[in-house]
Amino acid sequence: MYYHCRPIKFVIYGKVEPPPPSELDEYFDGPYKWLGHYCGFFPQVWLSRSRQSITGIRNNKRLKKRQNMKRDGGWRKDIKTSNDSVLFEFDPIKGFPLSYTHWEYILNPLFNVKGGIQTQNKAITEFFNSMLRDYKADNLLYGYDEPDPVEDDWEKSGCNLEVYLRDYVFKEVDQVVVPTLNLKSAKKVFCRDEKQKKKLRKMGFIEDRVQIQNFRKFSSF
């Protein structure tokens, strides 16, 4: 199954698109544009494959524990967004595949580089080469048995970015991106309470597909 999460205020009974580029977080603008070069569209709508927890559904209790670390009140906004979120479940969807673990590593150099695709790819290559060098140096000093799986994949690709993207990054492991998504086609719609369920039914979502769900269990997936 494939999952997509969004606040209920952005839910419609029909096709949704990504937010316009002007409303995107500037911090992610570079990475999303880099991805758009390969998938053919920017920005993107994201879905997880089998892993509900990476959609943005989070446990309220876990968020509340962060309040002592965030004194600007931002944690309250996080909790409100989590409370308002609705999770949609779909049958297999054909999208552009992207490995979650490898994408997380690629974000690091893309956050810190300005320029076009060639500059971005050079930064990614340098970042992974540096990771591999650091691992080998530490291994000589401390005798680590095995490299991190991402470092291992980079070495297996011959430190060639094109091969690495093809064989490890753009693989359908746990997430895909699409240009648009028809929420009406969801097989199940998970919400938090009767109030949300009533709103969703008024939009047109079928009664039998809307279910009240305790999202706490998703935090461990």
N, C-alpha and C. Protein backbone atom coordinates (compact mmCIF):
# COMPACT_ATOMS: atom_id res chain seq x y z
N MET A 1 0.82 -1.19 0.00
CA MET A 1 0.00 0.00 0.00
C MET A 1 0.87 1.26 0.00
N TYR A 2 0.29 2.35 -0.47
CA TYR A 2 0.98 3.63 -0.52
C TYR A 2 0.20 4.63 0.33
N TYR A 3 0.95 5.53 1.01
CA TYR A 3 0.32 6.43 1.96
C TYR A 3 0.72 7.88 1.70
N HIS A 4 -0.26 8.75 1.91
CA HIS A 4 -0.01 10.19 1.77
C HIS A 4 -0.70 10.91 2.92
N CYS A 5 -0.02 11.87 3.52
CA CYS A 5 -0.55 12.58 4.68
C CYS A 5 -0.61 14.08 4.38
N ARG A 6 -1.69 14.73 4.84
CA ARG A 6 -1.77 16.19 4.71
C ARG A 6 -2.76 16.74 5.72
N PRO A 7 -2.56 18.00 6.17
CA PRO A 7 -3.54 18.63 7.07
C PRO A 7 -4.91 18.68 6.41
N ILE A 8 -5.96 18.54 7.20
CA ILE A 8 -7.30 18.45 6.66
C ILE A 8 -7.71 19.71 5.90
N LYS A 9 -7.12 20.87 6.23
CA LYS A 9 -7.48 22.09 5.53
C LYS A 9 -7.01 22.08 4.07
N PHE A 10 -6.09 21.18 3.74
CA PHE A 10 -5.61 21.05 2.37
C PHE A 10 -6.19 19.81 1.67
N VAL A 11 -7.21 19.22 2.26
CA VAL A 11 -7.85 18.04 1.68
C VAL A 11 -9.05 18.47 0.85
N ILE A 12 -9.17 17.92 -0.35
CA ILE A 12 -10.36 18.10 -1.18
C ILE A 12 -10.77 16.74 -1.72
N TYR A 13 -12.01 16.63 -2.13
CA TYR A 13 -12.48 15.38 -2.71
C TYR A 13 -12.18 15.42 -4.21
N GLY A 14 -10.91 15.20 -4.53
CA GLY A 14 -10.48 15.26 -5.91
C GLY A 14 -8.97 15.32 -6.00
N LYS A 15 -8.48 15.93 -7.07
CA LYS A 15 -7.04 15.95 -7.36
C LYS A 15 -6.36 17.09 -6.62
N VAL A 16 -5.24 16.78 -5.98
CA VAL A 16 -4.43 17.79 -5.32
C VAL A 16 -3.08 17.88 -6.02
N GLU A 17 -2.49 19.04 -5.92
CA GLU A 17 -1.18 19.29 -6.51
C GLU A 17 -0.21 19.74 -5.41
N PRO A 18 1.08 19.78 -5.70
CA PRO A 18 2.02 20.30 -4.71
C PRO A 18 1.75 21.78 -4.47
N PRO A 19 2.22 22.32 -3.36
CA PRO A 19 2.10 23.76 -3.15
C PRO A 19 2.91 24.50 -4.22
N PRO A 20 2.53 25.70 -4.57
CA PRO A 20 3.32 26.46 -5.56
C PRO A 20 4.72 26.71 -5.05
N PRO A 21 5.70 26.83 -5.95
CA PRO A 21 7.09 27.04 -5.52
C PRO A 21 7.25 28.21 -4.55
N SER A 22 6.43 29.24 -4.69
CA SER A 22 6.55 30.42 -3.83
C SER A 22 6.23 30.10 -2.37
N GLU A 23 5.50 28.99 -2.12
CA GLU A 23 5.13 28.63 -0.76
C GLU A 23 5.99 27.51 -0.18
N LEU A 24 6.96 27.04 -0.94
CA LEU A 24 7.83 25.99 -0.45
C LEU A 24 8.85 26.56 0.54
N ASP A 25 9.30 25.73 1.44
CA ASP A 25 10.37 26.10 2.34
C ASP A 25 11.64 26.31 1.50
N GLU A 26 12.24 27.49 1.61
CA GLU A 26 13.42 27.80 0.81
C GLU A 26 14.54 26.80 1.05
N TYR A 27 14.58 26.24 2.24
CA TYR A 27 15.62 25.28 2.60
C TYR A 27 15.57 24.05 1.71
N PHE A 28 14.36 23.68 1.26
CA PHE A 28 14.19 22.48 0.44
C PHE A 28 14.09 22.80 -1.05
N ASP A 29 14.16 24.06 -1.40
CA ASP A 29 13.99 24.44 -2.80
C ASP A 29 15.03 23.79 -3.70
N GLY A 30 16.30 23.84 -3.27
CA GLY A 30 17.37 23.23 -4.07
C GLY A 30 17.22 21.74 -4.24
N PRO A 31 17.01 20.97 -3.15
CA PRO A 31 16.83 19.52 -3.30
C PRO A 31 15.64 19.15 -4.17
N TYR A 32 14.51 19.85 -4.04
CA TYR A 32 13.34 19.51 -4.83
C TYR A 32 13.56 19.83 -6.31
N LYS A 33 14.28 20.91 -6.59
CA LYS A 33 14.60 21.23 -7.99
C LYS A 33 15.56 20.20 -8.57
N TRP A 34 16.52 19.76 -7.74
CA TRP A 34 17.43 18.71 -8.19
C TRP A 34 16.65 17.45 -8.54
N LEU A 35 15.72 17.06 -7.68
CA LEU A 35 14.90 15.88 -7.94
C LEU A 35 14.05 16.08 -9.18
N GLY A 36 13.54 17.30 -9.37
CA GLY A 36 12.73 17.60 -10.54
C GLY A 36 13.49 17.40 -11.85
N HIS A 37 14.79 17.62 -11.82
CA HIS A 37 15.60 17.39 -13.02
C HIS A 37 15.52 15.94 -13.47
N TYR A 38 15.41 15.01 -12.50
CA TYR A 38 15.40 13.60 -12.82
C TYR A 38 13.99 13.02 -12.99
N CYS A 39 13.05 13.50 -12.21
CA CYS A 39 11.71 12.92 -12.30
C CYS A 39 10.84 13.63 -13.33
N GLY A 40 11.22 14.88 -13.70
CA GLY A 40 10.49 15.57 -14.75
C GLY A 40 9.43 16.53 -14.28
N PHE A 41 9.28 16.71 -12.95
CA PHE A 41 8.29 17.67 -12.46
C PHE A 41 8.74 18.25 -11.13
N PHE A 42 8.37 19.49 -10.90
CA PHE A 42 8.73 20.23 -9.69
C PHE A 42 7.65 21.26 -9.42
N PRO A 43 7.21 21.35 -8.13
CA PRO A 43 7.54 20.49 -6.99
C PRO A 43 6.82 19.15 -7.08
N GLN A 44 6.88 18.36 -6.03
CA GLN A 44 6.37 16.98 -6.07
C GLN A 44 5.36 16.73 -4.95
N VAL A 45 4.49 15.74 -5.19
CA VAL A 45 3.63 15.18 -4.15
C VAL A 45 4.27 13.86 -3.72
N TRP A 46 4.41 13.67 -2.41
CA TRP A 46 5.15 12.53 -1.88
C TRP A 46 4.22 11.47 -1.31
N LEU A 47 4.56 10.21 -1.56
CA LEU A 47 3.86 9.08 -0.96
C LEU A 47 4.89 8.10 -0.42
N SER A 48 4.54 7.45 0.68
CA SER A 48 5.40 6.39 1.21
C SER A 48 4.85 5.04 0.78
N ARG A 49 5.73 4.08 0.71
CA ARG A 49 5.35 2.72 0.35
C ARG A 49 5.53 1.85 1.59
N SER A 50 4.40 1.44 2.17
CA SER A 50 4.37 0.52 3.32
C SER A 50 4.74 1.17 4.65
N ARG A 51 5.38 2.33 4.66
CA ARG A 51 5.83 2.94 5.92
C ARG A 51 5.02 4.21 6.19
N GLN A 52 4.00 4.09 7.02
CA GLN A 52 3.16 5.25 7.33
C GLN A 52 3.92 6.34 8.06
N SER A 53 4.90 5.94 8.87
CA SER A 53 5.57 6.90 9.75
C SER A 53 6.33 7.98 9.00
N ILE A 54 6.78 7.73 7.77
CA ILE A 54 7.55 8.74 7.05
C ILE A 54 6.67 9.68 6.24
N THR A 55 5.36 9.57 6.39
CA THR A 55 4.46 10.49 5.69
C THR A 55 4.31 11.82 6.40
N GLY A 56 4.68 11.88 7.68
CA GLY A 56 4.46 13.08 8.47
C GLY A 56 3.50 12.83 9.62
N ILE A 57 2.85 11.68 9.65
CA ILE A 57 2.02 11.30 10.79
C ILE A 57 2.94 11.08 11.98
N ARG A 58 2.66 11.81 13.08
CA ARG A 58 3.53 11.68 14.24
C ARG A 58 2.70 11.54 15.51
N ASN A 59 3.33 10.99 16.50
CA ASN A 59 2.68 10.74 17.78
C ASN A 59 2.66 12.02 18.62
N ASN A 60 1.47 12.45 19.05
CA ASN A 60 1.36 13.67 19.85
C ASN A 60 2.22 13.62 21.11
N LYS A 61 2.23 12.48 21.80
CA LYS A 61 2.99 12.39 23.04
C LYS A 61 4.48 12.59 22.78
N ARG A 62 4.95 12.07 21.66
CA ARG A 62 6.36 12.25 21.32
C ARG A 62 6.65 13.71 21.04
N LEU A 63 5.73 14.39 20.37
CA LEU A 63 5.92 15.80 20.10
C LEU A 63 5.94 16.63 21.37
N LYS A 64 5.07 16.29 22.31
CA LYS A 64 4.99 17.05 23.55
C LYS A 64 6.29 16.95 24.35
N LYS A 65 6.99 15.84 24.23
CA LYS A 65 8.24 15.68 24.95
C LYS A 65 9.30 16.65 24.45
N ARG A 66 9.08 17.23 23.25
CA ARG A 66 10.06 18.14 22.70
C ARG A 66 9.89 19.56 23.20
N GLN A 67 8.84 19.84 23.98
CA GLN A 67 8.54 21.20 24.36
C GLN A 67 9.66 21.84 25.16
N ASN A 68 10.39 21.06 25.96
CA ASN A 68 11.48 21.63 26.74
C ASN A 68 12.68 21.99 25.87
N MET A 69 12.73 21.42 24.65
CA MET A 69 13.83 21.73 23.75
C MET A 69 13.49 22.88 22.82
N LYS A 70 12.20 23.25 22.73
CA LYS A 70 11.78 24.31 21.81
C LYS A 70 11.01 25.36 22.61
N ARG A 71 11.65 26.45 22.92
CA ARG A 71 11.06 27.44 23.79
C ARG A 71 10.35 28.56 23.04
N ASP A 72 10.35 28.49 21.73
CA ASP A 72 9.71 29.55 20.95
C ASP A 72 8.25 29.24 20.66
N GLY A 73 7.73 28.15 21.21
CA GLY A 73 6.33 27.80 20.97
C GLY A 73 6.12 27.02 19.69
N GLY A 74 7.20 26.74 18.95
CA GLY A 74 7.04 26.04 17.69
C GLY A 74 6.50 24.64 17.84
N TRP A 75 6.77 24.02 19.00
CA TRP A 75 6.27 22.66 19.22
C TRP A 75 4.76 22.63 19.23
N ARG A 76 4.11 23.72 19.68
CA ARG A 76 2.65 23.75 19.69
C ARG A 76 2.11 23.71 18.26
N LYS A 77 2.80 24.40 17.37
CA LYS A 77 2.39 24.38 15.96
C LYS A 77 2.54 22.98 15.39
N ASP A 78 3.65 22.29 15.77
CA ASP A 78 3.87 20.91 15.32
C ASP A 78 2.73 20.00 15.77
N ILE A 79 2.31 20.16 17.03
CA ILE A 79 1.25 19.31 17.57
C ILE A 79 -0.06 19.59 16.86
N LYS A 80 -0.35 20.87 16.60
CA LYS A 80 -1.59 21.22 15.92
C LYS A 80 -1.62 20.64 14.52
N THR A 81 -0.47 20.75 13.81
CA THR A 81 -0.41 20.17 12.46
C THR A 81 -0.62 18.67 12.51
N SER A 82 0.00 18.01 13.50
CA SER A 82 -0.17 16.58 13.65
C SER A 82 -1.61 16.22 13.95
N ASN A 83 -2.26 17.01 14.81
CA ASN A 83 -3.65 16.76 15.15
C ASN A 83 -4.57 16.90 13.94
N ASP A 84 -4.22 17.80 13.03
CA ASP A 84 -5.07 18.07 11.88
C ASP A 84 -4.82 17.15 10.70
N SER A 85 -3.81 16.29 10.80
CA SER A 85 -3.40 15.48 9.65
C SER A 85 -4.37 14.34 9.37
N VAL A 86 -4.52 14.04 8.09
CA VAL A 86 -5.32 12.93 7.62
C VAL A 86 -4.43 12.03 6.77
N LEU A 87 -4.55 10.73 6.93
CA LEU A 87 -3.71 9.78 6.21
C LEU A 87 -4.53 9.03 5.17
N PHE A 88 -4.05 9.02 3.93
CA PHE A 88 -4.74 8.38 2.82
C PHE A 88 -3.98 7.13 2.39
N GLU A 89 -4.72 6.05 2.17
CA GLU A 89 -4.11 4.78 1.75
C GLU A 89 -4.56 4.47 0.33
N PHE A 90 -3.60 4.11 -0.53
CA PHE A 90 -3.88 3.83 -1.93
C PHE A 90 -3.36 2.45 -2.31
N ASP A 91 -3.98 1.88 -3.34
CA ASP A 91 -3.40 0.72 -3.99
C ASP A 91 -2.11 1.17 -4.67
N PRO A 92 -1.29 0.23 -5.14
CA PRO A 92 -0.04 0.63 -5.79
C PRO A 92 -0.22 1.77 -6.78
N ILE A 93 0.63 2.76 -6.65
CA ILE A 93 0.60 3.95 -7.50
C ILE A 93 1.90 4.01 -8.30
N LYS A 94 1.77 4.28 -9.57
CA LYS A 94 2.97 4.41 -10.42
C LYS A 94 3.51 5.82 -10.26
N GLY A 95 4.67 5.92 -9.68
CA GLY A 95 5.31 7.20 -9.49
C GLY A 95 6.80 7.10 -9.72
N PHE A 96 7.50 8.16 -9.45
CA PHE A 96 8.96 8.15 -9.59
C PHE A 96 9.55 7.66 -8.28
N PRO A 97 10.29 6.54 -8.30
CA PRO A 97 10.76 5.92 -7.05
C PRO A 97 11.95 6.64 -6.45
N LEU A 98 12.03 6.60 -5.12
CA LEU A 98 13.11 7.28 -4.42
C LEU A 98 13.32 6.60 -3.07
N SER A 99 14.51 6.07 -2.85
CA SER A 99 14.83 5.41 -1.59
C SER A 99 14.94 6.45 -0.47
N TYR A 100 14.18 6.27 0.58
CA TYR A 100 14.13 7.24 1.68
C TYR A 100 15.51 7.41 2.33
N THR A 101 16.18 6.32 2.65
CA THR A 101 17.47 6.39 3.32
C THR A 101 18.50 7.12 2.47
N HIS A 102 18.58 6.79 1.20
CA HIS A 102 19.57 7.43 0.33
C HIS A 102 19.22 8.89 0.08
N TRP A 103 17.93 9.20 -0.01
CA TRP A 103 17.51 10.58 -0.20
C TRP A 103 17.93 11.44 1.01
N GLU A 104 17.80 10.91 2.21
CA GLU A 104 18.20 11.66 3.40
C GLU A 104 19.68 12.06 3.34
N TYR A 105 20.52 11.19 2.84
CA TYR A 105 21.93 11.51 2.74
C TYR A 105 22.18 12.54 1.64
N ILE A 106 21.49 12.42 0.53
CA ILE A 106 21.68 13.36 -0.58
C ILE A 106 21.25 14.77 -0.19
N LEU A 107 20.28 14.87 0.71
CA LEU A 107 19.83 16.20 1.15
C LEU A 107 20.97 17.03 1.72
N ASN A 108 21.89 16.41 2.42
CA ASN A 108 22.94 17.16 3.12
C ASN A 108 23.73 18.09 2.19
N PRO A 109 24.32 17.58 1.12
CA PRO A 109 25.04 18.51 0.24
C PRO A 109 24.11 19.45 -0.53
N LEU A 110 22.90 19.02 -0.83
CA LEU A 110 21.99 19.86 -1.60
C LEU A 110 21.47 21.05 -0.79
N PHE A 111 21.43 20.92 0.53
CA PHE A 111 21.02 22.03 1.38
C PHE A 111 22.03 23.18 1.31
N ASN A 112 23.27 22.84 1.03
CA ASN A 112 24.36 23.81 1.21
C ASN A 112 25.03 24.26 -0.08
N VAL A 113 24.40 23.99 -1.21
CA VAL A 113 25.02 24.37 -2.47
C VAL A 113 24.06 25.20 -3.30
N LYS A 114 24.58 26.21 -3.96
CA LYS A 114 23.81 27.03 -4.88
C LYS A 114 24.31 26.79 -6.30
N GLY A 115 23.37 26.69 -7.23
CA GLY A 115 23.78 26.48 -8.61
C GLY A 115 22.90 25.47 -9.31
N GLY A 116 23.25 25.17 -10.55
CA GLY A 116 22.47 24.25 -11.36
C GLY A 116 22.82 22.81 -11.10
N ILE A 117 22.32 21.93 -11.98
CA ILE A 117 22.43 20.50 -11.77
C ILE A 117 23.88 20.02 -11.74
N GLN A 118 24.74 20.60 -12.56
CA GLN A 118 26.14 20.16 -12.56
C GLN A 118 26.83 20.50 -11.25
N THR A 119 26.55 21.70 -10.74
CA THR A 119 27.13 22.10 -9.46
C THR A 119 26.59 21.24 -8.33
N GLN A 120 25.31 20.94 -8.39
CA GLN A 120 24.69 20.11 -7.36
C GLN A 120 25.27 18.69 -7.37
N ASN A 121 25.40 18.12 -8.56
CA ASN A 121 25.93 16.76 -8.66
C ASN A 121 27.39 16.69 -8.23
N LYS A 122 28.14 17.75 -8.50
CA LYS A 122 29.53 17.78 -8.05
C LYS A 122 29.58 17.80 -6.53
N ALA A 123 28.67 18.55 -5.92
CA ALA A 123 28.63 18.62 -4.45
C ALA A 123 28.25 17.28 -3.84
N ILE A 124 27.30 16.58 -4.47
CA ILE A 124 26.89 15.26 -3.99
C ILE A 124 28.06 14.28 -4.07
N THR A 125 28.76 14.28 -5.20
CA THR A 125 29.90 13.39 -5.39
C THR A 125 30.98 13.65 -4.36
N GLU A 126 31.30 14.92 -4.13
CA GLU A 126 32.32 15.27 -3.15
C GLU A 126 31.90 14.86 -1.75
N PHE A 127 30.61 15.01 -1.45
CA PHE A 127 30.10 14.65 -0.13
C PHE A 127 30.26 13.15 0.13
N PHE A 128 29.86 12.32 -0.84
CA PHE A 128 29.95 10.88 -0.64
C PHE A 128 31.41 10.40 -0.66
N ASN A 129 32.24 11.02 -1.48
CA ASN A 129 33.66 10.66 -1.46
C ASN A 129 34.28 10.97 -0.10
N SER A 130 33.88 12.11 0.46
CA SER A 130 34.38 12.49 1.78
C SER A 130 33.92 11.51 2.85
N MET A 131 32.63 11.10 2.79
CA MET A 131 32.12 10.11 3.74
C MET A 131 32.91 8.82 3.67
N LEU A 132 33.20 8.37 2.46
CA LEU A 132 33.91 7.11 2.28
C LEU A 132 35.34 7.21 2.78
N ARG A 133 35.99 8.35 2.50
CA ARG A 133 37.36 8.55 2.99
C ARG A 133 37.39 8.54 4.52
N ASP A 134 36.41 9.22 5.12
CA ASP A 134 36.37 9.29 6.59
C ASP A 134 36.15 7.90 7.18
N TYR A 135 35.28 7.12 6.54
CA TYR A 135 35.04 5.78 7.05
C TYR A 135 36.32 4.95 7.00
N LYS A 136 37.01 4.99 5.87
CA LYS A 136 38.22 4.17 5.72
C LYS A 136 39.31 4.61 6.70
N ALA A 137 39.40 5.93 6.93
CA ALA A 137 40.38 6.41 7.90
C ALA A 137 40.03 5.95 9.31
N ASP A 138 38.76 6.04 9.66
CA ASP A 138 38.33 5.58 10.99
C ASP A 138 38.51 4.07 11.13
N ASN A 139 38.29 3.37 10.03
CA ASN A 139 38.41 1.91 10.08
C ASN A 139 39.85 1.50 10.37
N LEU A 140 40.80 2.24 9.81
CA LEU A 140 42.21 1.95 10.07
C LEU A 140 42.56 2.21 11.54
N LEU A 141 41.95 3.25 12.10
CA LEU A 141 42.26 3.62 13.48
C LEU A 141 41.53 2.75 14.50
N TYR A 142 40.25 2.49 14.22
CA TYR A 142 39.41 1.86 15.23
C TYR A 142 38.93 0.46 14.87
N GLY A 143 39.18 0.03 13.63
CA GLY A 143 38.84 -1.32 13.25
C GLY A 143 37.36 -1.60 13.11
N TYR A 144 36.60 -0.67 12.52
CA TYR A 144 35.19 -0.92 12.26
C TYR A 144 35.06 -2.10 11.30
N ASP A 145 34.07 -2.95 11.53
CA ASP A 145 33.91 -4.15 10.71
C ASP A 145 33.27 -3.84 9.35
N GLU A 146 32.18 -3.07 9.36
CA GLU A 146 31.44 -2.85 8.13
C GLU A 146 31.11 -1.37 7.96
N PRO A 147 31.08 -0.89 6.72
CA PRO A 147 30.71 0.50 6.49
C PRO A 147 29.20 0.70 6.64
N ASP A 148 28.81 1.93 6.78
CA ASP A 148 27.40 2.27 6.72
C ASP A 148 26.85 1.78 5.38
N PRO A 149 25.61 1.26 5.33
CA PRO A 149 25.07 0.76 4.05
C PRO A 149 25.14 1.78 2.93
N VAL A 150 24.93 3.06 3.23
CA VAL A 150 24.99 4.08 2.18
C VAL A 150 26.41 4.23 1.67
N GLU A 151 27.39 4.24 2.56
CA GLU A 151 28.79 4.30 2.13
C GLU A 151 29.16 3.07 1.31
N ASP A 152 28.66 1.93 1.73
CA ASP A 152 28.93 0.68 1.02
C ASP A 152 28.35 0.74 -0.39
N ASP A 153 27.13 1.26 -0.51
CA ASP A 153 26.50 1.38 -1.83
C ASP A 153 27.28 2.33 -2.73
N TRP A 154 27.78 3.42 -2.14
CA TRP A 154 28.56 4.37 -2.92
C TRP A 154 29.84 3.71 -3.46
N GLU A 155 30.49 2.92 -2.62
CA GLU A 155 31.71 2.24 -3.06
C GLU A 155 31.39 1.19 -4.12
N LYS A 156 30.28 0.48 -3.94
CA LYS A 156 29.90 -0.54 -4.93
C LYS A 156 29.56 0.08 -6.28
N SER A 157 29.12 1.33 -6.28
CA SER A 157 28.79 2.01 -7.53
C SER A 157 30.03 2.51 -8.25
N GLY A 158 31.21 2.28 -7.65
CA GLY A 158 32.45 2.78 -8.23
C GLY A 158 32.62 4.27 -8.02
N CYS A 159 31.88 4.81 -7.02
CA CYS A 159 31.89 6.26 -6.73
C CYS A 159 31.47 7.05 -7.96
N ASN A 160 30.57 6.45 -8.71
CA ASN A 160 30.03 7.07 -9.92
C ASN A 160 28.59 7.48 -9.63
N LEU A 161 28.30 8.78 -9.67
CA LEU A 161 26.99 9.26 -9.26
C LEU A 161 25.88 8.72 -10.15
N GLU A 162 26.10 8.65 -11.44
CA GLU A 162 25.07 8.15 -12.35
C GLU A 162 24.69 6.71 -12.01
N VAL A 163 25.69 5.89 -11.76
CA VAL A 163 25.45 4.49 -11.39
C VAL A 163 24.77 4.41 -10.02
N TYR A 164 25.22 5.23 -9.10
CA TYR A 164 24.66 5.24 -7.74
C TYR A 164 23.19 5.62 -7.75
N LEU A 165 22.83 6.64 -8.52
CA LEU A 165 21.43 7.05 -8.61
C LEU A 165 20.57 5.94 -9.21
N ARG A 166 21.08 5.34 -10.27
CA ARG A 166 20.33 4.29 -10.97
C ARG A 166 20.14 3.05 -10.11
N ASP A 167 21.20 2.62 -9.42
CA ASP A 167 21.16 1.33 -8.73
C ASP A 167 20.65 1.41 -7.29
N TYR A 168 20.73 2.59 -6.67
CA TYR A 168 20.40 2.66 -5.24
C TYR A 168 19.40 3.76 -4.86
N VAL A 169 19.49 4.89 -5.50
CA VAL A 169 18.65 6.02 -5.08
C VAL A 169 17.28 5.97 -5.73
N PHE A 170 17.23 5.86 -7.03
CA PHE A 170 15.96 5.86 -7.75
C PHE A 170 15.42 4.44 -7.86
N LYS A 171 15.21 3.84 -6.69
CA LYS A 171 14.67 2.49 -6.58
C LYS A 171 13.42 2.55 -5.71
N GLU A 172 12.39 1.78 -6.07
CA GLU A 172 11.15 1.81 -5.31
C GLU A 172 11.29 0.92 -4.08
N VAL A 173 11.76 1.53 -3.01
CA VAL A 173 11.94 0.84 -1.74
C VAL A 173 10.83 1.24 -0.78
N ASP A 174 10.74 2.55 -0.51
CA ASP A 174 9.77 2.98 0.50
C ASP A 174 9.10 4.32 0.21
N GLN A 175 9.33 4.93 -0.96
CA GLN A 175 8.59 6.14 -1.28
C GLN A 175 8.64 6.43 -2.78
N VAL A 176 7.65 7.19 -3.24
CA VAL A 176 7.57 7.63 -4.62
C VAL A 176 7.08 9.08 -4.63
N VAL A 177 7.35 9.78 -5.73
CA VAL A 177 6.81 11.12 -5.91
C VAL A 177 5.99 11.14 -7.19
N VAL A 178 4.94 11.97 -7.20
CA VAL A 178 4.06 12.11 -8.35
C VAL A 178 3.76 13.60 -8.55
N PRO A 179 3.34 13.99 -9.75
CA PRO A 179 3.02 15.41 -9.98
C PRO A 179 1.70 15.83 -9.37
N THR A 180 0.72 14.94 -9.34
CA THR A 180 -0.58 15.20 -8.73
C THR A 180 -1.09 13.92 -8.09
N LEU A 181 -2.13 14.05 -7.25
CA LEU A 181 -2.66 12.88 -6.57
C LEU A 181 -4.17 13.06 -6.41
N ASN A 182 -4.93 12.05 -6.82
CA ASN A 182 -6.38 12.10 -6.69
C ASN A 182 -6.79 11.47 -5.36
N LEU A 183 -7.10 12.30 -4.38
CA LEU A 183 -7.47 11.80 -3.05
C LEU A 183 -8.77 11.01 -3.08
N LYS A 184 -9.60 11.30 -4.06
CA LYS A 184 -10.89 10.60 -4.19
C LYS A 184 -10.69 9.11 -4.41
N SER A 185 -9.55 8.72 -4.95
CA SER A 185 -9.31 7.31 -5.27
C SER A 185 -8.73 6.53 -4.09
N ALA A 186 -8.54 7.17 -2.94
CA ALA A 186 -7.98 6.48 -1.77
C ALA A 186 -8.89 5.32 -1.36
N LYS A 187 -8.29 4.20 -1.03
CA LYS A 187 -9.04 3.03 -0.58
C LYS A 187 -9.46 3.17 0.88
N LYS A 188 -8.64 3.86 1.66
CA LYS A 188 -8.97 4.13 3.06
C LYS A 188 -8.52 5.54 3.40
N VAL A 189 -9.27 6.18 4.31
CA VAL A 189 -8.92 7.51 4.79
C VAL A 189 -8.93 7.44 6.31
N PHE A 190 -7.76 7.65 6.92
CA PHE A 190 -7.64 7.57 8.38
C PHE A 190 -7.63 8.97 8.98
N CYS A 191 -8.54 9.19 9.92
CA CYS A 191 -8.61 10.47 10.61
C CYS A 191 -8.55 10.24 12.11
N ARG A 192 -8.55 11.35 12.90
CA ARG A 192 -8.29 11.24 14.32
C ARG A 192 -9.54 11.17 15.20
N ASP A 193 -10.64 11.76 14.72
CA ASP A 193 -11.82 11.83 15.60
C ASP A 193 -13.08 12.02 14.77
N GLU A 194 -14.21 12.06 15.44
CA GLU A 194 -15.50 12.19 14.78
C GLU A 194 -15.64 13.53 14.06
N LYS A 195 -15.04 14.57 14.60
CA LYS A 195 -15.09 15.88 13.96
C LYS A 195 -14.45 15.85 12.59
N GLN A 196 -13.26 15.25 12.50
CA GLN A 196 -12.61 15.12 11.20
C GLN A 196 -13.42 14.23 10.27
N LYS A 197 -13.94 13.15 10.81
CA LYS A 197 -14.71 12.22 9.99
C LYS A 197 -15.92 12.91 9.38
N LYS A 198 -16.58 13.74 10.15
CA LYS A 198 -17.74 14.48 9.66
C LYS A 198 -17.35 15.41 8.52
N LYS A 199 -16.22 16.11 8.66
CA LYS A 199 -15.74 17.01 7.60
C LYS A 199 -15.46 16.24 6.32
N LEU A 200 -14.81 15.09 6.47
CA LEU A 200 -14.45 14.29 5.31
C LEU A 200 -15.70 13.74 4.60
N ARG A 201 -16.68 13.34 5.36
CA ARG A 201 -17.92 12.84 4.76
C ARG A 201 -18.63 13.95 4.00
N LYS A 202 -18.62 15.17 4.54
CA LYS A 202 -19.24 16.30 3.86
C LYS A 202 -18.54 16.62 2.54
N MET A 203 -17.24 16.36 2.48
CA MET A 203 -16.49 16.60 1.25
C MET A 203 -16.90 15.61 0.16
N GLY A 204 -17.37 14.42 0.59
CA GLY A 204 -17.77 13.40 -0.38
C GLY A 204 -17.11 12.06 -0.21
N PHE A 205 -16.17 11.95 0.75
CA PHE A 205 -15.50 10.67 0.95
C PHE A 205 -16.50 9.63 1.47
N ILE A 206 -16.40 8.42 0.94
CA ILE A 206 -17.36 7.36 1.22
C ILE A 206 -17.25 6.92 2.67
N GLU A 207 -18.40 6.77 3.30
CA GLU A 207 -18.48 6.43 4.73
C GLU A 207 -17.62 5.23 5.09
N ASP A 208 -17.72 4.16 4.31
CA ASP A 208 -17.02 2.92 4.66
C ASP A 208 -15.50 3.05 4.55
N ARG A 209 -15.02 4.07 3.84
CA ARG A 209 -13.58 4.22 3.66
C ARG A 209 -12.94 5.12 4.72
N VAL A 210 -13.74 5.87 5.43
CA VAL A 210 -13.22 6.79 6.43
C VAL A 210 -13.19 6.09 7.79
N GLN A 211 -12.02 6.03 8.41
CA GLN A 211 -11.87 5.33 9.67
C GLN A 211 -11.14 6.20 10.69
N ILE A 212 -11.64 6.20 11.91
CA ILE A 212 -10.94 6.88 13.00
C ILE A 212 -9.79 5.97 13.45
N GLN A 213 -8.61 6.56 13.57
CA GLN A 213 -7.42 5.75 13.80
C GLN A 213 -6.56 6.37 14.92
N ASN A 214 -6.03 5.53 15.78
CA ASN A 214 -5.02 5.97 16.74
C ASN A 214 -3.67 5.93 16.02
N PHE A 215 -3.11 7.10 15.74
CA PHE A 215 -1.88 7.17 14.96
C PHE A 215 -0.63 6.83 15.77
N ARG A 216 -0.80 6.57 17.06
CA ARG A 216 0.35 6.28 17.90
C ARG A 216 1.15 5.08 17.38
N LYS A 217 0.45 4.11 16.88
CA LYS A 217 1.15 2.88 16.45
C LYS A 217 2.01 3.12 15.23
N PHE A 218 1.70 4.17 14.44
CA PHE A 218 2.49 4.44 13.24
C PHE A 218 3.88 4.95 13.58
N SER A 219 4.07 5.48 14.78
CA SER A 219 5.36 6.08 15.11
C SER A 219 6.49 5.06 15.16
N SER A 220 6.18 3.79 15.28
CA SER A 220 7.22 2.77 15.38
C SER A 220 7.47 2.07 14.06
N PHE A 221 6.74 2.44 12.99
CA PHE A 221 6.91 1.75 11.72
C PHE A 221 8.16 2.26 11.01
